Amino acid sequence: MKFKAAALMGAAAMALLSAPAFAESHGVSACLITKTDTNPFFVKMKEGAEAKAAELGVSLKSYAGKVDGDHESQVAAIEACIADGAKGILIAASDTKAIVDSVAAARAAGVLVIALDTPLEPIDAADATFATDNFRAGLLIGQWAAATLGADAANAKIAMLDLAISQPSVDVLRDQGFLTGMGIDTVDITKWGDETDPRIVGNEVTAGNEEGGLKAMEALLTKDPDINVVYTINEPSAAGAFEALKAAGKTALIVSVDGGCPGVADVKDGVIGATSQQYPLLMASLGIEAIAKFAADGTKPAPTEGKDFFDTGVALITDKPVDGVESIDSTKGAELCWG
């Protein structure tokens, strides 16, 4: 697979912005609200927003939850952004349903609200969404796992390490994409955990961090010590799952989503079998450009053709490619990684 990140960024930016918007951005204020300020994914997102804001002369304030799932801090951040007269808000929502009322208040005040990475529920609660196709990200690792296992996929014992009990959209999309890729009936694709396939040992939540991944994996190993496939919501949780497996003297095929530099290194080292790489810096930088454009002439960003969001791209990274599933290796993934 030939993946040209620079070309993607250039084409996407040209589609969103015209030159006059750059010249008229001074005096425009914007907010970035992320789930945490410690996860490398959101650190890189902040870097992208800050760099583009400095380039365009946009005044940027950044906010983050104390932990992934800290909905109250995000509500307070939106209120502060409205009060400050921000022209636009970029938000990676912790609770994609509960945040909708706060987003509606911001939009009613004339603020452009763009969801980053995690679509709101419903998706049109935001003016636009810039995100990875998270269902496809899950689908790719599911297809890779199924092809890697071959005939043994029919007898797999799968641990599902999800994000949060509130099941934000990114959590559901990746989970359901993975199961679809594995050929497992997802029952109701709008939620996880209702599947009846006997191959699924169970679902545990991780809060998207290493400690959560370790505890979730330990809990599922008590249910079935013979787990041989582990789906993880992100690479920090995958690292925790690996530690739990190692402590128990077990091995399993681990798949994940993110494509951060530590995760790509884990692919190279054989900790993670395959991961789907996404591009948080691009999401945030394009978001700032869109706010600048909106401030200049009122134009709102359009979604990718055929989708209800602006797709910022995804690539499967593995050093053990399989027929029928496009991928890049860890060397190429390291050139494109973040964190």
C-alpha atoms as a PDB file:
ATOM      1  CA  MET A   1       0.000   0.000   0.000  1.00  0.00           C
ATOM      2  CA  LYS A   2       1.420   3.370  -0.970  1.00  0.00           C
ATOM      3  CA  PHE A   3       0.429   5.891   1.677  1.00  0.00           C
ATOM      4  CA  LYS A   4       1.439   9.497   1.077  1.00  0.00           C
ATOM      5  CA  ALA A   5       0.648  11.462   4.220  1.00  0.00           C
ATOM      6  CA  ALA A   6       1.914  14.755   2.853  1.00  0.00           C
ATOM      7  CA  ALA A   7      -0.268  14.478  -0.228  1.00  0.00           C
ATOM      8  CA  LEU A   8      -3.290  13.616   1.885  1.00  0.00           C
ATOM      9  CA  MET A   9      -2.730  16.605   4.142  1.00  0.00           C
ATOM     10  CA  GLY A  10      -2.224  18.950   1.210  1.00  0.00           C
ATOM     11  CA  ALA A  11      -5.293  17.802  -0.682  1.00  0.00           C
ATOM     12  CA  ALA A  12      -7.484  17.876   2.394  1.00  0.00           C
ATOM     13  CA  ALA A  13      -6.347  21.339   3.360  1.00  0.00           C
ATOM     14  CA  MET A  14      -6.947  22.682  -0.141  1.00  0.00           C
ATOM     15  CA  ALA A  15     -10.454  21.268  -0.079  1.00  0.00           C
ATOM     16  CA  LEU A  16     -11.236  23.045   3.167  1.00  0.00           C
ATOM     17  CA  LEU A  17      -9.533  26.404   2.893  1.00  0.00           C
ATOM     18  CA  SER A  18      -8.915  29.133   0.391  1.00  0.00           C
ATOM     19  CA  ALA A  19      -6.079  31.633   0.733  1.00  0.00           C
ATOM     20  CA  PRO A  20      -8.178  34.592   1.988  1.00  0.00           C
ATOM     21  CA  ALA A  21      -9.056  32.672   5.140  1.00  0.00           C
ATOM     22  CA  PHE A  22      -5.407  32.617   6.206  1.00  0.00           C
ATOM     23  CA  ALA A  23      -5.110  36.387   5.895  1.00  0.00           C
ATOM     24  CA  GLU A  24      -8.245  37.086   7.900  1.00  0.00           C
ATOM     25  CA  SER A  25      -7.649  34.739  10.849  1.00  0.00           C
ATOM     26  CA  HIS A  26      -6.051  37.243  13.231  1.00  0.00           C
ATOM     27  CA  GLY A  27      -8.404  38.013  16.109  1.00  0.00           C
ATOM     28  CA  VAL A  28     -10.191  34.664  15.730  1.00  0.00           C
ATOM     29  CA  SER A  29     -10.291  32.520  18.865  1.00  0.00           C
ATOM     30  CA  ALA A  30     -10.798  28.771  19.069  1.00  0.00           C
ATOM     31  CA  CYS A  31     -10.892  25.994  21.656  1.00  0.00           C
ATOM     32  CA  LEU A  32      -9.575  22.449  21.642  1.00  0.00           C
ATOM     33  CA  ILE A  33     -11.199  20.053  24.116  1.00  0.00           C
ATOM     34  CA  THR A  34      -9.685  16.563  24.386  1.00  0.00           C
ATOM     35  CA  LYS A  35     -10.426  13.555  26.570  1.00  0.00           C
ATOM     36  CA  THR A  36      -7.091  13.763  28.426  1.00  0.00           C
ATOM     37  CA  ASP A  37      -3.807  15.595  28.088  1.00  0.00           C
ATOM     38  CA  THR A  38      -1.675  12.496  28.764  1.00  0.00           C
ATOM     39  CA  ASN A  39      -2.659  10.036  26.016  1.00  0.00           C
ATOM     40  CA  PRO A  40      -0.092  10.484  23.194  1.00  0.00           C
ATOM     41  CA  PHE A  41      -2.933  10.600  20.663  1.00  0.00           C
ATOM     42  CA  PHE A  42      -4.377  13.727  22.231  1.00  0.00           C
ATOM     43  CA  VAL A  43      -0.932  15.201  22.876  1.00  0.00           C
ATOM     44  CA  LYS A  44      -0.276  15.002  19.141  1.00  0.00           C
ATOM     45  CA  MET A  45      -3.735  16.401  18.414  1.00  0.00           C
ATOM     46  CA  LYS A  46      -2.918  19.397  20.592  1.00  0.00           C
ATOM     47  CA  GLU A  47       0.416  19.867  18.829  1.00  0.00           C
ATOM     48  CA  GLY A  48      -1.342  19.920  15.475  1.00  0.00           C
ATOM     49  CA  ALA A  49      -3.910  22.460  16.650  1.00  0.00           C
ATOM     50  CA  GLU A  50      -1.290  24.704  18.244  1.00  0.00           C
ATOM     51  CA  ALA A  51       0.977  24.672  15.197  1.00  0.00           C
ATOM     52  CA  LYS A  52      -1.818  25.491  12.777  1.00  0.00           C
ATOM     53  CA  ALA A  53      -3.263  28.152  15.091  1.00  0.00           C
ATOM     54  CA  ALA A  54       0.149  29.846  15.292  1.00  0.00           C
ATOM     55  CA  GLU A  55       0.503  29.691  11.515  1.00  0.00           C
ATOM     56  CA  LEU A  56      -2.917  31.253  10.911  1.00  0.00           C
ATOM     57  CA  GLY A  57      -2.904  33.729  13.772  1.00  0.00           C
ATOM     58  CA  VAL A  58      -5.752  32.012  15.602  1.00  0.00           C
ATOM     59  CA  SER A  59      -5.865  32.372  19.392  1.00  0.00           C
ATOM     60  CA  LEU A  60      -6.217  28.869  20.850  1.00  0.00           C
ATOM     61  CA  LYS A  61      -7.193  27.682  24.324  1.00  0.00           C
ATOM     62  CA  SER A  62      -6.883  23.993  25.163  1.00  0.00           C
ATOM     63  CA  TYR A  63      -8.827  21.962  27.716  1.00  0.00           C
ATOM     64  CA  ALA A  64      -8.798  18.277  28.692  1.00  0.00           C
ATOM     65  CA  GLY A  65     -10.546  15.885  31.027  1.00  0.00           C
ATOM     66  CA  LYS A  66      -8.693  14.575  34.055  1.00  0.00           C
ATOM     67  CA  VAL A  67      -9.131  11.035  32.694  1.00  0.00           C
ATOM     68  CA  ASP A  68     -10.793   9.492  29.662  1.00  0.00           C
ATOM     69  CA  GLY A  69     -14.506   9.642  30.482  1.00  0.00           C
ATOM     70  CA  ASP A  70     -14.410  12.928  32.420  1.00  0.00           C
ATOM     71  CA  HIS A  71     -17.580  14.357  30.880  1.00  0.00           C
ATOM     72  CA  GLU A  72     -18.094  17.102  33.465  1.00  0.00           C
ATOM     73  CA  SER A  73     -14.764  18.789  32.670  1.00  0.00           C
ATOM     74  CA  GLN A  74     -15.675  18.861  28.990  1.00  0.00           C
ATOM     75  CA  VAL A  75     -19.042  20.482  29.739  1.00  0.00           C
ATOM     76  CA  ALA A  76     -17.295  23.138  31.813  1.00  0.00           C
ATOM     77  CA  ALA A  77     -14.804  23.708  28.984  1.00  0.00           C
ATOM     78  CA  ILE A  78     -17.574  24.305  26.443  1.00  0.00           C
ATOM     79  CA  GLU A  79     -19.205  26.806  28.794  1.00  0.00           C
ATOM     80  CA  ALA A  80     -15.885  28.630  29.167  1.00  0.00           C
ATOM     81  CA  CYS A  81     -15.375  28.712  25.395  1.00  0.00           C
ATOM     82  CA  ILE A  82     -18.828  30.212  24.837  1.00  0.00           C
ATOM     83  CA  ALA A  83     -18.204  32.810  27.526  1.00  0.00           C
ATOM     84  CA  ASP A  84     -14.843  33.693  25.952  1.00  0.00           C
ATOM     85  CA  GLY A  85     -16.449  34.320  22.564  1.00  0.00           C
ATOM     86  CA  ALA A  86     -14.680  31.492  20.738  1.00  0.00           C
ATOM     87  CA  LYS A  87     -15.503  31.267  17.041  1.00  0.00           C
ATOM     88  CA  GLY A  88     -15.004  27.517  16.981  1.00  0.00           C
ATOM     89  CA  ILE A  89     -14.619  24.480  19.212  1.00  0.00           C
ATOM     90  CA  LEU A  90     -12.797  21.256  18.355  1.00  0.00           C
ATOM     91  CA  ILE A  91     -13.861  18.449  20.691  1.00  0.00           C
ATOM     92  CA  ALA A  92     -12.989  14.788  21.195  1.00  0.00           C
ATOM     93  CA  ALA A  93     -15.964  13.935  23.373  1.00  0.00           C
ATOM     94  CA  SER A  94     -15.758  11.507  26.286  1.00  0.00           C
ATOM     95  CA  ASP A  95     -19.520  10.941  26.357  1.00  0.00           C
ATOM     96  CA  THR A  96     -20.821  11.314  22.822  1.00  0.00           C
ATOM     97  CA  LYS A  97     -24.479  11.325  23.848  1.00  0.00           C
ATOM     98  CA  ALA A  98     -24.431  13.398  27.049  1.00  0.00           C
ATOM     99  CA  ILE A  99     -22.344  16.190  25.494  1.00  0.00           C
ATOM    100  CA  VAL A 100     -24.969  16.944  22.825  1.00  0.00           C
ATOM    101  CA  ASP A 101     -26.919  19.508  24.896  1.00  0.00           C
ATOM    102  CA  SER A 102     -23.756  21.467  25.631  1.00  0.00           C
ATOM    103  CA  VAL A 103     -22.773  21.379  21.960  1.00  0.00           C
ATOM    104  CA  ALA A 104     -26.242  22.608  21.010  1.00  0.00           C
ATOM    105  CA  ALA A 105     -25.813  25.569  23.359  1.00  0.00           C
ATOM    106  CA  ALA A 106     -22.498  26.434  21.710  1.00  0.00           C
ATOM    107  CA  ARG A 107     -23.960  26.229  18.219  1.00  0.00           C
ATOM    108  CA  ALA A 108     -26.914  28.364  19.284  1.00  0.00           C
ATOM    109  CA  ALA A 109     -24.378  30.982  20.364  1.00  0.00           C
ATOM    110  CA  GLY A 110     -22.882  31.011  16.864  1.00  0.00           C
ATOM    111  CA  VAL A 111     -19.904  28.777  17.600  1.00  0.00           C
ATOM    112  CA  LEU A 112     -18.741  26.289  14.957  1.00  0.00           C
ATOM    113  CA  VAL A 113     -18.388  22.883  16.665  1.00  0.00           C
ATOM    114  CA  ILE A 114     -16.262  20.180  15.050  1.00  0.00           C
ATOM    115  CA  ALA A 115     -15.989  16.703  16.553  1.00  0.00           C
ATOM    116  CA  LEU A 116     -12.487  15.246  16.298  1.00  0.00           C
ATOM    117  CA  ASP A 117     -11.868  11.489  16.203  1.00  0.00           C
ATOM    118  CA  THR A 118     -15.109  10.597  18.007  1.00  0.00           C
ATOM    119  CA  PRO A 119     -18.446  11.307  16.258  1.00  0.00           C
ATOM    120  CA  LEU A 120     -21.234  12.662  18.435  1.00  0.00           C
ATOM    121  CA  GLU A 121     -24.518  10.796  18.719  1.00  0.00           C
ATOM    122  CA  PRO A 122     -26.240  11.746  16.522  1.00  0.00           C
ATOM    123  CA  ILE A 123     -23.348  12.706  14.278  1.00  0.00           C
ATOM    124  CA  ASP A 124     -25.123  15.844  13.058  1.00  0.00           C
ATOM    125  CA  ALA A 125     -25.163  17.225  16.612  1.00  0.00           C
ATOM    126  CA  ALA A 126     -21.834  18.787  15.562  1.00  0.00           C
ATOM    127  CA  ASP A 127     -21.382  21.023  12.538  1.00  0.00           C
ATOM    128  CA  ALA A 128     -18.781  18.600  11.199  1.00  0.00           C
ATOM    129  CA  THR A 129     -16.658  15.609  12.180  1.00  0.00           C
ATOM    130  CA  PHE A 130     -13.005  15.088  11.271  1.00  0.00           C
ATOM    131  CA  ALA A 131     -12.093  11.511  12.076  1.00  0.00           C
ATOM    132  CA  THR A 132     -10.613   8.207  11.199  1.00  0.00           C
ATOM    133  CA  ASP A 133     -13.150   5.826   9.725  1.00  0.00           C
ATOM    134  CA  ASN A 134     -13.164   3.960  13.032  1.00  0.00           C
ATOM    135  CA  PHE A 135     -15.350   1.137  11.766  1.00  0.00           C
ATOM    136  CA  ARG A 136     -12.843   0.553   8.958  1.00  0.00           C
ATOM    137  CA  ALA A 137      -9.969   0.732  11.458  1.00  0.00           C
ATOM    138  CA  GLY A 138     -11.584  -2.102  13.402  1.00  0.00           C
ATOM    139  CA  LEU A 139     -12.525  -3.960  10.242  1.00  0.00           C
ATOM    140  CA  LEU A 140      -8.915  -4.036   9.023  1.00  0.00           C
ATOM    141  CA  ILE A 141      -7.533  -5.563  12.223  1.00  0.00           C
ATOM    142  CA  GLY A 142     -10.427  -8.038  12.312  1.00  0.00           C
ATOM    143  CA  GLN A 143      -9.805  -9.121   8.730  1.00  0.00           C
ATOM    144  CA  TRP A 144      -6.090  -9.420   9.440  1.00  0.00           C
ATOM    145  CA  ALA A 145      -6.681 -11.539  12.554  1.00  0.00           C
ATOM    146  CA  ALA A 146      -9.124 -13.821  10.736  1.00  0.00           C
ATOM    147  CA  ALA A 147      -6.719 -14.314   7.827  1.00  0.00           C
ATOM    148  CA  THR A 148      -3.768 -14.879  10.168  1.00  0.00           C
ATOM    149  CA  LEU A 149      -5.653 -17.548  12.099  1.00  0.00           C
ATOM    150  CA  GLY A 150      -7.022 -19.190   8.971  1.00  0.00           C
ATOM    151  CA  ALA A 151      -9.135 -22.249   9.791  1.00  0.00           C
ATOM    152  CA  ASP A 152      -8.413 -21.733  13.508  1.00  0.00           C
ATOM    153  CA  ALA A 153     -10.513 -18.530  13.450  1.00  0.00           C
ATOM    154  CA  ALA A 154     -13.594 -20.718  13.810  1.00  0.00           C
ATOM    155  CA  ASN A 155     -12.369 -21.813  17.270  1.00  0.00           C
ATOM    156  CA  ALA A 156     -10.820 -18.564  18.479  1.00  0.00           C
ATOM    157  CA  LYS A 157     -11.235 -17.419  22.076  1.00  0.00           C
ATOM    158  CA  ILE A 158     -11.490 -13.655  21.945  1.00  0.00           C
ATOM    159  CA  ALA A 159     -11.029 -11.026  24.639  1.00  0.00           C
ATOM    160  CA  MET A 160     -12.677  -7.662  23.879  1.00  0.00           C
ATOM    161  CA  LEU A 161     -10.922  -4.782  25.641  1.00  0.00           C
ATOM    162  CA  ASP A 162     -13.174  -1.778  25.097  1.00  0.00           C
ATOM    163  CA  LEU A 163     -13.033   1.827  26.270  1.00  0.00           C
ATOM    164  CA  ALA A 164     -15.878   2.810  28.602  1.00  0.00           C
ATOM    165  CA  ILE A 165     -19.239   1.709  29.952  1.00  0.00           C
ATOM    166  CA  SER A 166     -20.835   4.763  28.295  1.00  0.00           C
ATOM    167  CA  GLN A 167     -19.798   3.270  24.928  1.00  0.00           C
ATOM    168  CA  PRO A 168     -18.785   6.441  23.042  1.00  0.00           C
ATOM    169  CA  SER A 169     -19.099   6.121  19.286  1.00  0.00           C
ATOM    170  CA  VAL A 170     -15.388   5.528  18.673  1.00  0.00           C
ATOM    171  CA  ASP A 171     -15.564   2.620  21.133  1.00  0.00           C
ATOM    172  CA  VAL A 172     -18.541   1.034  19.406  1.00  0.00           C
ATOM    173  CA  LEU A 173     -17.270   1.576  15.861  1.00  0.00           C
ATOM    174  CA  ARG A 174     -13.888  -0.052  16.451  1.00  0.00           C
ATOM    175  CA  ASP A 175     -15.357  -2.963  18.402  1.00  0.00           C
ATOM    176  CA  GLN A 176     -18.048  -3.686  15.833  1.00  0.00           C
ATOM    177  CA  GLY A 177     -15.651  -3.238  12.930  1.00  0.00           C
ATOM    178  CA  PHE A 178     -13.261  -5.785  14.428  1.00  0.00           C
ATOM    179  CA  LEU A 179     -16.016  -8.340  14.978  1.00  0.00           C
ATOM    180  CA  THR A 180     -17.312  -7.810  11.444  1.00  0.00           C
ATOM    181  CA  GLY A 181     -13.799  -8.373  10.121  1.00  0.00           C
ATOM    182  CA  MET A 182     -13.638 -11.603  12.127  1.00  0.00           C
ATOM    183  CA  GLY A 183     -16.931 -12.717  10.579  1.00  0.00           C
ATOM    184  CA  ILE A 184     -18.878 -12.491  13.841  1.00  0.00           C
ATOM    185  CA  ASP A 185     -22.528 -11.404  13.966  1.00  0.00           C
ATOM    186  CA  THR A 186     -22.676  -8.020  15.723  1.00  0.00           C
ATOM    187  CA  VAL A 187     -26.456  -8.192  16.437  1.00  0.00           C
ATOM    188  CA  ASP A 188     -27.035  -4.449  17.066  1.00  0.00           C
ATOM    189  CA  ILE A 189     -24.183  -2.567  15.429  1.00  0.00           C
ATOM    190  CA  THR A 190     -24.887   0.562  17.493  1.00  0.00           C
ATOM    191  CA  LYS A 191     -23.580  -1.026  20.700  1.00  0.00           C
ATOM    192  CA  TRP A 192     -21.089  -3.586  21.898  1.00  0.00           C
ATOM    193  CA  GLY A 193     -21.552  -6.501  24.272  1.00  0.00           C
ATOM    194  CA  ASP A 194     -24.797  -8.011  22.972  1.00  0.00           C
ATOM    195  CA  GLU A 195     -23.111 -10.610  20.775  1.00  0.00           C
ATOM    196  CA  THR A 196     -23.868 -14.290  21.375  1.00  0.00           C
ATOM    197  CA  ASP A 197     -21.000 -15.861  19.412  1.00  0.00           C
ATOM    198  CA  PRO A 198     -19.320 -18.402  21.731  1.00  0.00           C
ATOM    199  CA  ARG A 199     -15.881 -17.312  20.549  1.00  0.00           C
ATOM    200  CA  ILE A 200     -16.211 -14.075  22.536  1.00  0.00           C
ATOM    201  CA  VAL A 201     -15.009 -14.666  26.102  1.00  0.00           C
ATOM    202  CA  GLY A 202     -16.248 -11.274  27.257  1.00  0.00           C
ATOM    203  CA  ASN A 203     -15.966  -7.486  27.187  1.00  0.00           C
ATOM    204  CA  GLU A 204     -14.072  -5.401  29.750  1.00  0.00           C
ATOM    205  CA  VAL A 205     -13.402  -1.659  29.762  1.00  0.00           C
ATOM    206  CA  THR A 206      -9.925  -0.148  29.995  1.00  0.00           C
ATOM    207  CA  ALA A 207     -10.321   3.666  30.108  1.00  0.00           C
ATOM    208  CA  GLY A 208      -7.881   3.575  27.210  1.00  0.00           C
ATOM    209  CA  ASN A 209      -4.779   3.270  29.370  1.00  0.00           C
ATOM    210  CA  GLU A 210      -2.178   0.618  30.218  1.00  0.00           C
ATOM    211  CA  GLU A 211      -3.382  -0.033  33.761  1.00  0.00           C
ATOM    212  CA  GLY A 212      -6.923  -0.483  32.515  1.00  0.00           C
ATOM    213  CA  GLY A 213      -5.747  -2.875  29.821  1.00  0.00           C
ATOM    214  CA  LEU A 214      -3.839  -4.950  32.361  1.00  0.00           C
ATOM    215  CA  LYS A 215      -6.809  -5.210  34.742  1.00  0.00           C
ATOM    216  CA  ALA A 216      -9.263  -5.957  31.945  1.00  0.00           C
ATOM    217  CA  MET A 217      -7.043  -8.716  30.587  1.00  0.00           C
ATOM    218  CA  GLU A 218      -6.601 -10.221  34.051  1.00  0.00           C
ATOM    219  CA  ALA A 219     -10.374 -10.289  34.528  1.00  0.00           C
ATOM    220  CA  LEU A 220     -10.975 -12.027  31.211  1.00  0.00           C
ATOM    221  CA  LEU A 221      -8.205 -14.568  31.818  1.00  0.00           C
ATOM    222  CA  THR A 222     -10.024 -15.615  34.966  1.00  0.00           C
ATOM    223  CA  LYS A 223     -13.039 -16.375  32.788  1.00  0.00           C
ATOM    224  CA  ASP A 224     -11.007 -18.316  30.233  1.00  0.00           C
ATOM    225  CA  PRO A 225      -7.234 -18.840  30.569  1.00  0.00           C
ATOM    226  CA  ASP A 226      -7.061 -20.076  26.961  1.00  0.00           C
ATOM    227  CA  ILE A 227      -7.807 -16.729  25.279  1.00  0.00           C
ATOM    228  CA  ASN A 228      -5.780 -16.554  22.066  1.00  0.00           C
ATOM    229  CA  VAL A 229      -7.048 -13.343  20.399  1.00  0.00           C
ATOM    230  CA  VAL A 230      -7.173  -9.932  22.081  1.00  0.00           C
ATOM    231  CA  TYR A 231      -8.919  -6.912  20.564  1.00  0.00           C
ATOM    232  CA  THR A 232      -7.915  -3.632  22.224  1.00  0.00           C
ATOM    233  CA  ILE A 233      -9.442  -0.177  21.813  1.00  0.00           C
ATOM    234  CA  ASN A 234      -5.984   1.428  21.609  1.00  0.00           C
ATOM    235  CA  GLU A 235      -2.293   0.717  22.004  1.00  0.00           C
ATOM    236  CA  PRO A 236      -1.852   1.740  25.657  1.00  0.00           C
ATOM    237  CA  SER A 237      -4.519  -0.824  26.593  1.00  0.00           C
ATOM    238  CA  ALA A 238      -2.786  -3.344  24.320  1.00  0.00           C
ATOM    239  CA  ALA A 239       0.457  -2.819  26.235  1.00  0.00           C
ATOM    240  CA  GLY A 240      -1.378  -3.536  29.498  1.00  0.00           C
ATOM    241  CA  ALA A 241      -2.994  -6.651  28.043  1.00  0.00           C
ATOM    242  CA  PHE A 242       0.413  -7.933  26.956  1.00  0.00           C
ATOM    243  CA  GLU A 243       1.795  -7.493  30.469  1.00  0.00           C
ATOM    244  CA  ALA A 244      -1.124  -9.435  31.954  1.00  0.00           C
ATOM    245  CA  LEU A 245      -0.657 -12.244  29.453  1.00  0.00           C
ATOM    246  CA  LYS A 246       3.083 -12.369  30.120  1.00  0.00           C
ATOM    247  CA  ALA A 247       2.540 -12.493  33.892  1.00  0.00           C
ATOM    248  CA  ALA A 248       0.142 -15.402  33.385  1.00  0.00           C
ATOM    249  CA  GLY A 249       2.591 -17.215  31.124  1.00  0.00           C
ATOM    250  CA  LYS A 250       0.264 -16.867  28.153  1.00  0.00           C
ATOM    251  CA  THR A 251       0.526 -15.622  24.578  1.00  0.00           C
ATOM    252  CA  ALA A 252      -2.186 -14.333  22.262  1.00  0.00           C
ATOM    253  CA  LEU A 253      -2.657 -12.501  18.993  1.00  0.00           C
ATOM    254  CA  ILE A 254      -3.141  -8.831  19.977  1.00  0.00           C
ATOM    255  CA  VAL A 255      -4.632  -6.265  17.617  1.00  0.00           C
ATOM    256  CA  SER A 256      -5.253  -2.589  18.211  1.00  0.00           C
ATOM    257  CA  VAL A 257      -5.917   0.882  16.800  1.00  0.00           C
ATOM    258  CA  ASP A 258      -3.903   4.135  16.951  1.00  0.00           C
ATOM    259  CA  GLY A 259      -0.569   3.986  15.145  1.00  0.00           C
ATOM    260  CA  GLY A 260       1.357   5.973  17.748  1.00  0.00           C
ATOM    261  CA  CYS A 261       5.138   5.554  17.772  1.00  0.00           C
ATOM    262  CA  PRO A 262       5.123   3.316  20.900  1.00  0.00           C
ATOM    263  CA  GLY A 263       2.425   1.148  19.298  1.00  0.00           C
ATOM    264  CA  VAL A 264       4.318   0.876  16.023  1.00  0.00           C
ATOM    265  CA  ALA A 265       7.409  -0.135  18.007  1.00  0.00           C
ATOM    266  CA  ASP A 266       5.268  -2.811  19.683  1.00  0.00           C
ATOM    267  CA  VAL A 267       4.330  -4.122  16.236  1.00  0.00           C
ATOM    268  CA  LYS A 268       8.016  -4.295  15.333  1.00  0.00           C
ATOM    269  CA  ASP A 269       8.759  -6.104  18.605  1.00  0.00           C
ATOM    270  CA  GLY A 270       5.913  -8.581  18.149  1.00  0.00           C
ATOM    271  CA  VAL A 271       3.846  -7.329  21.113  1.00  0.00           C
ATOM    272  CA  ILE A 272       1.022  -6.231  18.805  1.00  0.00           C
ATOM    273  CA  GLY A 273       0.321  -8.271  15.698  1.00  0.00           C
ATOM    274  CA  ALA A 274      -1.358  -5.469  13.760  1.00  0.00           C
ATOM    275  CA  THR A 275      -2.648  -1.978  14.427  1.00  0.00           C
ATOM    276  CA  SER A 276      -4.665   0.539  12.420  1.00  0.00           C
ATOM    277  CA  GLN A 277      -2.889   3.883  12.208  1.00  0.00           C
ATOM    278  CA  GLN A 278      -4.814   7.144  12.412  1.00  0.00           C
ATOM    279  CA  TYR A 279      -3.657  10.740  12.077  1.00  0.00           C
ATOM    280  CA  PRO A 280      -4.593  13.025  15.002  1.00  0.00           C
ATOM    281  CA  LEU A 281      -2.315  15.906  14.012  1.00  0.00           C
ATOM    282  CA  LEU A 282      -4.100  16.099  10.657  1.00  0.00           C
ATOM    283  CA  MET A 283      -7.531  16.053  12.316  1.00  0.00           C
ATOM    284  CA  ALA A 284      -6.690  18.983  14.558  1.00  0.00           C
ATOM    285  CA  SER A 285      -4.807  21.079  12.012  1.00  0.00           C
ATOM    286  CA  LEU A 286      -7.639  20.764   9.508  1.00  0.00           C
ATOM    287  CA  GLY A 287     -10.069  21.648  12.290  1.00  0.00           C
ATOM    288  CA  ILE A 288      -8.260  24.916  12.979  1.00  0.00           C
ATOM    289  CA  GLU A 289      -8.235  25.675   9.258  1.00  0.00           C
ATOM    290  CA  ALA A 290     -11.986  25.074   9.126  1.00  0.00           C
ATOM    291  CA  ILE A 291     -12.579  27.475  12.025  1.00  0.00           C
ATOM    292  CA  ALA A 292     -10.491  30.114  10.252  1.00  0.00           C
ATOM    293  CA  LYS A 293     -12.517  29.622   7.086  1.00  0.00           C
ATOM    294  CA  PHE A 294     -15.792  29.834   9.001  1.00  0.00           C
ATOM    295  CA  ALA A 295     -14.671  33.048  10.677  1.00  0.00           C
ATOM    296  CA  ALA A 296     -13.713  34.511   7.296  1.00  0.00           C
ATOM    297  CA  ASP A 297     -16.868  33.823   5.310  1.00  0.00           C
ATOM    298  CA  GLY A 298     -19.243  31.582   7.269  1.00  0.00           C
ATOM    299  CA  THR A 299     -18.405  28.461   5.266  1.00  0.00           C
ATOM    300  CA  LYS A 300     -18.742  25.158   7.111  1.00  0.00           C
ATOM    301  CA  PRO A 301     -16.618  22.119   6.177  1.00  0.00           C
ATOM    302  CA  ALA A 302     -18.134  19.435   3.974  1.00  0.00           C
ATOM    303  CA  PRO A 303     -17.837  15.687   4.610  1.00  0.00           C
ATOM    304  CA  THR A 304     -15.916  13.256   2.441  1.00  0.00           C
ATOM    305  CA  GLU A 305     -18.031  12.186  -0.525  1.00  0.00           C
ATOM    306  CA  GLY A 306     -20.235   9.249   0.377  1.00  0.00           C
ATOM    307  CA  LYS A 307     -19.661   9.647   4.132  1.00  0.00           C
ATOM    308  CA  ASP A 308     -21.205  11.727   6.898  1.00  0.00           C
ATOM    309  CA  PHE A 309     -17.784  12.872   8.204  1.00  0.00           C
ATOM    310  CA  PHE A 310     -14.448  14.104   6.833  1.00  0.00           C
ATOM    311  CA  ASP A 311     -12.247  11.009   6.619  1.00  0.00           C
ATOM    312  CA  THR A 312      -8.656  11.716   7.693  1.00  0.00           C
ATOM    313  CA  GLY A 313      -7.390   8.294   6.654  1.00  0.00           C
ATOM    314  CA  VAL A 314      -6.329   4.960   8.159  1.00  0.00           C
ATOM    315  CA  ALA A 315      -3.640   2.379   7.324  1.00  0.00           C
ATOM    316  CA  LEU A 316      -3.083  -1.137   8.680  1.00  0.00           C
ATOM    317  CA  ILE A 317       0.420  -1.667  10.083  1.00  0.00           C
ATOM    318  CA  THR A 318       1.847  -5.169  10.428  1.00  0.00           C
ATOM    319  CA  ASP A 319       5.076  -6.988   9.741  1.00  0.00           C
ATOM    320  CA  LYS A 320       3.105 -10.129   8.918  1.00  0.00           C
ATOM    321  CA  PRO A 321       0.969  -9.146   5.909  1.00  0.00           C
ATOM    322  CA  VAL A 322      -1.863 -11.362   4.699  1.00  0.00           C
ATOM    323  CA  ASP A 323      -3.434 -11.740   1.278  1.00  0.00           C
ATOM    324  CA  GLY A 324      -6.451  -9.550   0.652  1.00  0.00           C
ATOM    325  CA  VAL A 325      -5.789  -6.967   3.389  1.00  0.00           C
ATOM    326  CA  GLU A 326      -3.734  -3.904   2.408  1.00  0.00           C
ATOM    327  CA  SER A 327      -1.043  -2.979   4.901  1.00  0.00           C
ATOM    328  CA  ILE A 328       2.228  -1.171   5.456  1.00  0.00           C
ATOM    329  CA  ASP A 329       5.089  -2.464   7.579  1.00  0.00           C
ATOM    330  CA  SER A 330       6.376  -1.071  10.870  1.00  0.00           C
ATOM    331  CA  THR A 331       9.229   0.757   9.137  1.00  0.00           C
ATOM    332  CA  LYS A 332       6.795   2.788   7.048  1.00  0.00           C
ATOM    333  CA  GLY A 333       4.479   3.099  10.040  1.00  0.00           C
ATOM    334  CA  ALA A 334       7.329   4.616  12.065  1.00  0.00           C
ATOM    335  CA  GLU A 335       7.751   7.322   9.423  1.00  0.00           C
ATOM    336  CA  LEU A 336       4.093   8.319   9.879  1.00  0.00           C
ATOM    337  CA  CYS A 337       3.627   7.720  13.605  1.00  0.00           C
ATOM    338  CA  TRP A 338       3.068  10.156  16.446  1.00  0.00           C
ATOM    339  CA  GLY A 339       3.653  10.256  20.192  1.00  0.00           C
END
